[in-house]
């Protein structure tokens, strides 16, 4: 089984997590925020700043809003990884995932740090985090994961500026 590597966009409701993930994954269309409705998932090729491509499985809707508790997310994404491994002749060591997670309480679902902790306990590698409109408490919590974090005050930027900061932080072109 491939190791799952995770890039995540975190924030409360309405701060631009889904928009950021959609733009990073190149899921454009005619919706009000420049994204297609009802799209996402599958595999996308992300151009890297230093050249080459990274194949990634994006999920625009936060796991909390999709009603997925951490064990369900691990199972579902694990299935996607296994399916991808079976469909190609070359076996990859990594399955790359881009997720949106809510840092606030939403319908009794766990908060982002609980998902991340569960993922780490299941052998996932957190590569990098983008935290939108963070609070001081958020900074203290997510810093403990020991991965690079980009803090973006999304209410002070245009969508393109916000996407540019996230893309630059992840090392994506």
C-alpha atoms as a PDB file:
ATOM      1  CA  UNK A   1       0.000   0.000   0.000  1.00  0.00           C
ATOM      2  CA  UNK A   2       1.243   3.464  -0.859  1.00  0.00           C
ATOM      3  CA  UNK A   3       2.004   5.981   1.866  1.00  0.00           C
ATOM      4  CA  UNK A   4      -0.572   8.763   1.829  1.00  0.00           C
ATOM      5  CA  UNK A   5       0.915  12.250   1.736  1.00  0.00           C
ATOM      6  CA  UNK A   6      -1.393  15.098   2.688  1.00  0.00           C
ATOM      7  CA  UNK A   7      -1.579  18.771   1.824  1.00  0.00           C
ATOM      8  CA  UNK A   8      -4.491  20.467   3.603  1.00  0.00           C
ATOM      9  CA  UNK A   9      -6.296  23.806   3.547  1.00  0.00           C
ATOM     10  CA  UNK A  10      -7.769  24.580   6.976  1.00  0.00           C
ATOM     11  CA  UNK A  11     -10.184  27.206   8.234  1.00  0.00           C
ATOM     12  CA  UNK A  12     -13.621  27.939   9.588  1.00  0.00           C
ATOM     13  CA  UNK A  13     -16.718  27.911   7.409  1.00  0.00           C
ATOM     14  CA  UNK A  14     -16.876  30.470   4.615  1.00  0.00           C
ATOM     15  CA  UNK A  15     -13.196  31.463   4.528  1.00  0.00           C
ATOM     16  CA  UNK A  16     -12.386  29.988   1.099  1.00  0.00           C
ATOM     17  CA  UNK A  17     -11.161  26.432   1.723  1.00  0.00           C
ATOM     18  CA  UNK A  18     -13.131  24.829  -1.118  1.00  0.00           C
ATOM     19  CA  UNK A  19     -12.335  27.683  -3.489  1.00  0.00           C
ATOM     20  CA  UNK A  20      -8.634  27.360  -2.690  1.00  0.00           C
ATOM     21  CA  UNK A  21      -8.595  23.586  -3.182  1.00  0.00           C
ATOM     22  CA  UNK A  22     -10.598  23.892  -6.411  1.00  0.00           C
ATOM     23  CA  UNK A  23      -8.261  26.465  -7.885  1.00  0.00           C
ATOM     24  CA  UNK A  24      -5.143  24.573  -6.790  1.00  0.00           C
ATOM     25  CA  UNK A  25      -6.534  21.453  -8.482  1.00  0.00           C
ATOM     26  CA  UNK A  26      -7.459  23.331 -11.670  1.00  0.00           C
ATOM     27  CA  UNK A  27     -11.176  22.604 -11.318  1.00  0.00           C
ATOM     28  CA  UNK A  28     -12.431  25.673 -13.153  1.00  0.00           C
ATOM     29  CA  UNK A  29     -15.864  26.359 -14.598  1.00  0.00           C
ATOM     30  CA  UNK A  30     -18.768  28.795 -14.672  1.00  0.00           C
ATOM     31  CA  UNK A  31     -19.740  28.933 -11.003  1.00  0.00           C
ATOM     32  CA  UNK A  32     -19.832  32.228  -9.069  1.00  0.00           C
ATOM     33  CA  UNK A  33     -16.368  31.621  -7.603  1.00  0.00           C
ATOM     34  CA  UNK A  34     -14.885  30.432 -10.911  1.00  0.00           C
ATOM     35  CA  UNK A  35     -15.310  26.742 -10.088  1.00  0.00           C
ATOM     36  CA  UNK A  36     -17.581  24.036 -11.458  1.00  0.00           C
ATOM     37  CA  UNK A  37     -20.355  22.849  -9.184  1.00  0.00           C
ATOM     38  CA  UNK A  38     -20.448  19.212  -8.190  1.00  0.00           C
ATOM     39  CA  UNK A  39     -16.972  18.469  -9.527  1.00  0.00           C
ATOM     40  CA  UNK A  40     -13.776  17.370  -7.871  1.00  0.00           C
ATOM     41  CA  UNK A  41     -12.154  14.147  -6.883  1.00  0.00           C
ATOM     42  CA  UNK A  42     -10.322  11.921  -9.320  1.00  0.00           C
ATOM     43  CA  UNK A  43      -6.664  12.609  -9.988  1.00  0.00           C
ATOM     44  CA  UNK A  44      -5.142  15.884 -11.132  1.00  0.00           C
ATOM     45  CA  UNK A  45      -1.693  16.787 -12.403  1.00  0.00           C
ATOM     46  CA  UNK A  46      -0.202  19.738 -10.513  1.00  0.00           C
ATOM     47  CA  UNK A  47       2.652  21.602 -12.166  1.00  0.00           C
ATOM     48  CA  UNK A  48       5.530  22.007  -9.735  1.00  0.00           C
ATOM     49  CA  UNK A  49       7.515  25.220  -9.455  1.00  0.00           C
ATOM     50  CA  UNK A  50      10.831  23.401 -10.059  1.00  0.00           C
ATOM     51  CA  UNK A  51       9.456  21.489 -13.056  1.00  0.00           C
ATOM     52  CA  UNK A  52       7.577  18.248 -13.421  1.00  0.00           C
ATOM     53  CA  UNK A  53       4.160  17.259 -12.149  1.00  0.00           C
ATOM     54  CA  UNK A  54       2.654  15.911  -8.965  1.00  0.00           C
ATOM     55  CA  UNK A  55      -0.360  13.616  -9.299  1.00  0.00           C
ATOM     56  CA  UNK A  56      -2.819  14.491  -6.557  1.00  0.00           C
ATOM     57  CA  UNK A  57      -6.292  13.453  -5.410  1.00  0.00           C
ATOM     58  CA  UNK A  58      -8.168  16.662  -4.450  1.00  0.00           C
ATOM     59  CA  UNK A  59     -11.305  16.885  -2.292  1.00  0.00           C
ATOM     60  CA  UNK A  60     -12.865  20.358  -2.285  1.00  0.00           C
ATOM     61  CA  UNK A  61     -15.644  19.824   0.224  1.00  0.00           C
ATOM     62  CA  UNK A  62     -14.415  19.666   3.792  1.00  0.00           C
ATOM     63  CA  UNK A  63     -14.610  16.210   5.298  1.00  0.00           C
ATOM     64  CA  UNK A  64     -16.864  17.565   8.054  1.00  0.00           C
ATOM     65  CA  UNK A  65     -19.355  18.999   5.548  1.00  0.00           C
ATOM     66  CA  UNK A  66     -19.265  15.693   3.640  1.00  0.00           C
ATOM     67  CA  UNK A  67     -20.195  13.939   6.908  1.00  0.00           C
ATOM     68  CA  UNK A  68     -17.010  11.812   6.982  1.00  0.00           C
ATOM     69  CA  UNK A  69     -15.558  11.051  10.399  1.00  0.00           C
ATOM     70  CA  UNK A  70     -11.788  10.390  10.483  1.00  0.00           C
ATOM     71  CA  UNK A  71     -11.965   6.564  10.228  1.00  0.00           C
ATOM     72  CA  UNK A  72     -14.344   6.845   7.251  1.00  0.00           C
ATOM     73  CA  UNK A  73     -11.996   9.295   5.535  1.00  0.00           C
ATOM     74  CA  UNK A  74      -9.042   6.950   6.056  1.00  0.00           C
ATOM     75  CA  UNK A  75     -11.007   4.020   4.623  1.00  0.00           C
ATOM     76  CA  UNK A  76     -12.367   5.960   1.648  1.00  0.00           C
ATOM     77  CA  UNK A  77      -9.053   7.560   0.687  1.00  0.00           C
ATOM     78  CA  UNK A  78      -7.273   4.243   1.265  1.00  0.00           C
ATOM     79  CA  UNK A  79      -9.680   2.658  -1.246  1.00  0.00           C
ATOM     80  CA  UNK A  80      -8.887   5.405  -3.771  1.00  0.00           C
ATOM     81  CA  UNK A  81      -5.183   4.775  -3.270  1.00  0.00           C
ATOM     82  CA  UNK A  82      -5.576   1.009  -3.746  1.00  0.00           C
ATOM     83  CA  UNK A  83      -7.732   1.517  -6.853  1.00  0.00           C
ATOM     84  CA  UNK A  84      -5.098   3.810  -8.357  1.00  0.00           C
ATOM     85  CA  UNK A  85      -2.314   1.322  -7.561  1.00  0.00           C
ATOM     86  CA  UNK A  86      -4.232  -1.466  -9.347  1.00  0.00           C
ATOM     87  CA  UNK A  87      -4.892   0.632 -12.451  1.00  0.00           C
ATOM     88  CA  UNK A  88      -1.260   1.347 -13.339  1.00  0.00           C
ATOM     89  CA  UNK A  89       1.705  -0.890 -14.080  1.00  0.00           C
ATOM     90  CA  UNK A  90       4.150   1.263 -12.134  1.00  0.00           C
ATOM     91  CA  UNK A  91       3.558   1.111  -8.424  1.00  0.00           C
ATOM     92  CA  UNK A  92       4.008   4.377  -6.602  1.00  0.00           C
ATOM     93  CA  UNK A  93       5.345   4.737  -3.109  1.00  0.00           C
ATOM     94  CA  UNK A  94       3.004   7.680  -2.457  1.00  0.00           C
ATOM     95  CA  UNK A  95      -0.632   8.616  -2.928  1.00  0.00           C
ATOM     96  CA  UNK A  96      -0.964  12.408  -2.706  1.00  0.00           C
ATOM     97  CA  UNK A  97      -4.107  14.033  -1.305  1.00  0.00           C
ATOM     98  CA  UNK A  98      -5.270  17.665  -1.086  1.00  0.00           C
ATOM     99  CA  UNK A  99      -8.062  18.177   1.465  1.00  0.00           C
ATOM    100  CA  UNK A 100     -10.171  20.922   2.994  1.00  0.00           C
ATOM    101  CA  UNK A 101     -10.803  20.662   6.747  1.00  0.00           C
ATOM    102  CA  UNK A 102     -12.767  22.871   9.128  1.00  0.00           C
ATOM    103  CA  UNK A 103     -11.040  24.217  12.216  1.00  0.00           C
ATOM    104  CA  UNK A 104     -14.359  25.096  13.886  1.00  0.00           C
ATOM    105  CA  UNK A 105     -17.164  22.933  15.232  1.00  0.00           C
ATOM    106  CA  UNK A 106     -19.624  21.837  12.569  1.00  0.00           C
ATOM    107  CA  UNK A 107     -22.640  19.611  13.278  1.00  0.00           C
ATOM    108  CA  UNK A 108     -20.814  17.691  15.997  1.00  0.00           C
ATOM    109  CA  UNK A 109     -18.024  16.591  13.646  1.00  0.00           C
ATOM    110  CA  UNK A 110     -14.393  16.548  14.849  1.00  0.00           C
ATOM    111  CA  UNK A 111     -12.231  19.603  14.263  1.00  0.00           C
ATOM    112  CA  UNK A 112      -9.369  19.646  11.757  1.00  0.00           C
ATOM    113  CA  UNK A 113      -6.661  18.822  14.316  1.00  0.00           C
ATOM    114  CA  UNK A 114      -8.538  15.647  15.278  1.00  0.00           C
ATOM    115  CA  UNK A 115      -8.599  14.510  11.639  1.00  0.00           C
ATOM    116  CA  UNK A 116      -4.917  15.312  11.202  1.00  0.00           C
ATOM    117  CA  UNK A 117      -4.013  13.423  14.394  1.00  0.00           C
ATOM    118  CA  UNK A 118      -6.011  10.408  13.232  1.00  0.00           C
ATOM    119  CA  UNK A 119      -4.327  10.509   9.828  1.00  0.00           C
ATOM    120  CA  UNK A 120      -0.848  10.622  11.392  1.00  0.00           C
ATOM    121  CA  UNK A 121      -1.773   7.697  13.669  1.00  0.00           C
ATOM    122  CA  UNK A 122      -2.709   5.769  10.517  1.00  0.00           C
ATOM    123  CA  UNK A 123       0.669   6.333   8.884  1.00  0.00           C
ATOM    124  CA  UNK A 124      -0.149   9.323   6.710  1.00  0.00           C
ATOM    125  CA  UNK A 125       2.491  12.014   6.189  1.00  0.00           C
ATOM    126  CA  UNK A 126       1.357  15.615   6.495  1.00  0.00           C
ATOM    127  CA  UNK A 127       3.417  17.546   3.954  1.00  0.00           C
ATOM    128  CA  UNK A 128       2.132  21.079   4.431  1.00  0.00           C
ATOM    129  CA  UNK A 129      -0.804  23.097   5.769  1.00  0.00           C
ATOM    130  CA  UNK A 130      -2.478  26.334   4.738  1.00  0.00           C
ATOM    131  CA  UNK A 131      -4.460  27.971   7.528  1.00  0.00           C
ATOM    132  CA  UNK A 132      -7.031  30.569   6.443  1.00  0.00           C
ATOM    133  CA  UNK A 133      -8.013  33.344   8.889  1.00  0.00           C
ATOM    134  CA  UNK A 134      -6.331  31.652  11.817  1.00  0.00           C
ATOM    135  CA  UNK A 135      -6.738  32.547  15.453  1.00  0.00           C
ATOM    136  CA  UNK A 136      -3.949  32.521  18.046  1.00  0.00           C
ATOM    137  CA  UNK A 137      -5.338  29.231  19.346  1.00  0.00           C
ATOM    138  CA  UNK A 138      -5.195  27.758  15.806  1.00  0.00           C
ATOM    139  CA  UNK A 139      -1.558  28.768  15.464  1.00  0.00           C
ATOM    140  CA  UNK A 140      -0.665  26.987  18.717  1.00  0.00           C
ATOM    141  CA  UNK A 141      -2.563  23.810  17.820  1.00  0.00           C
ATOM    142  CA  UNK A 142      -1.421  23.313  14.225  1.00  0.00           C
ATOM    143  CA  UNK A 143       2.194  24.277  14.879  1.00  0.00           C
ATOM    144  CA  UNK A 144       2.457  21.073  16.947  1.00  0.00           C
ATOM    145  CA  UNK A 145       2.260  18.914  13.816  1.00  0.00           C
ATOM    146  CA  UNK A 146       5.786  20.054  12.946  1.00  0.00           C
ATOM    147  CA  UNK A 147       5.094  20.743   9.267  1.00  0.00           C
ATOM    148  CA  UNK A 148       5.332  23.945   7.235  1.00  0.00           C
ATOM    149  CA  UNK A 149       2.279  26.179   7.729  1.00  0.00           C
ATOM    150  CA  UNK A 150       1.222  29.190   5.681  1.00  0.00           C
ATOM    151  CA  UNK A 151      -1.082  31.640   7.462  1.00  0.00           C
ATOM    152  CA  UNK A 152      -3.375  33.560   5.098  1.00  0.00           C
ATOM    153  CA  UNK A 153      -5.804  36.268   6.137  1.00  0.00           C
ATOM    154  CA  UNK A 154      -8.198  35.410   3.318  1.00  0.00           C
ATOM    155  CA  UNK A 155     -10.567  38.295   4.100  1.00  0.00           C
ATOM    156  CA  UNK A 156      -7.794  40.778   3.201  1.00  0.00           C
ATOM    157  CA  UNK A 157      -6.902  39.265  -0.204  1.00  0.00           C
ATOM    158  CA  UNK A 158      -8.481  38.583  -3.575  1.00  0.00           C
ATOM    159  CA  UNK A 159      -9.067  34.958  -4.518  1.00  0.00           C
ATOM    160  CA  UNK A 160      -6.109  35.046  -6.902  1.00  0.00           C
ATOM    161  CA  UNK A 161      -3.777  36.437  -4.223  1.00  0.00           C
ATOM    162  CA  UNK A 162      -4.951  33.799  -1.754  1.00  0.00           C
ATOM    163  CA  UNK A 163      -4.410  31.000  -4.298  1.00  0.00           C
ATOM    164  CA  UNK A 164      -0.996  32.440  -5.168  1.00  0.00           C
ATOM    165  CA  UNK A 165       0.116  32.357  -1.524  1.00  0.00           C
ATOM    166  CA  UNK A 166      -1.081  28.762  -1.086  1.00  0.00           C
ATOM    167  CA  UNK A 167       0.474  27.629  -4.373  1.00  0.00           C
ATOM    168  CA  UNK A 168       3.787  29.269  -3.488  1.00  0.00           C
ATOM    169  CA  UNK A 169       3.768  27.718  -0.006  1.00  0.00           C
ATOM    170  CA  UNK A 170       3.140  24.232  -1.421  1.00  0.00           C
ATOM    171  CA  UNK A 171       5.868  24.718  -4.065  1.00  0.00           C
ATOM    172  CA  UNK A 172       3.371  24.375  -6.906  1.00  0.00           C
ATOM    173  CA  UNK A 173       3.533  26.517 -10.050  1.00  0.00           C
END
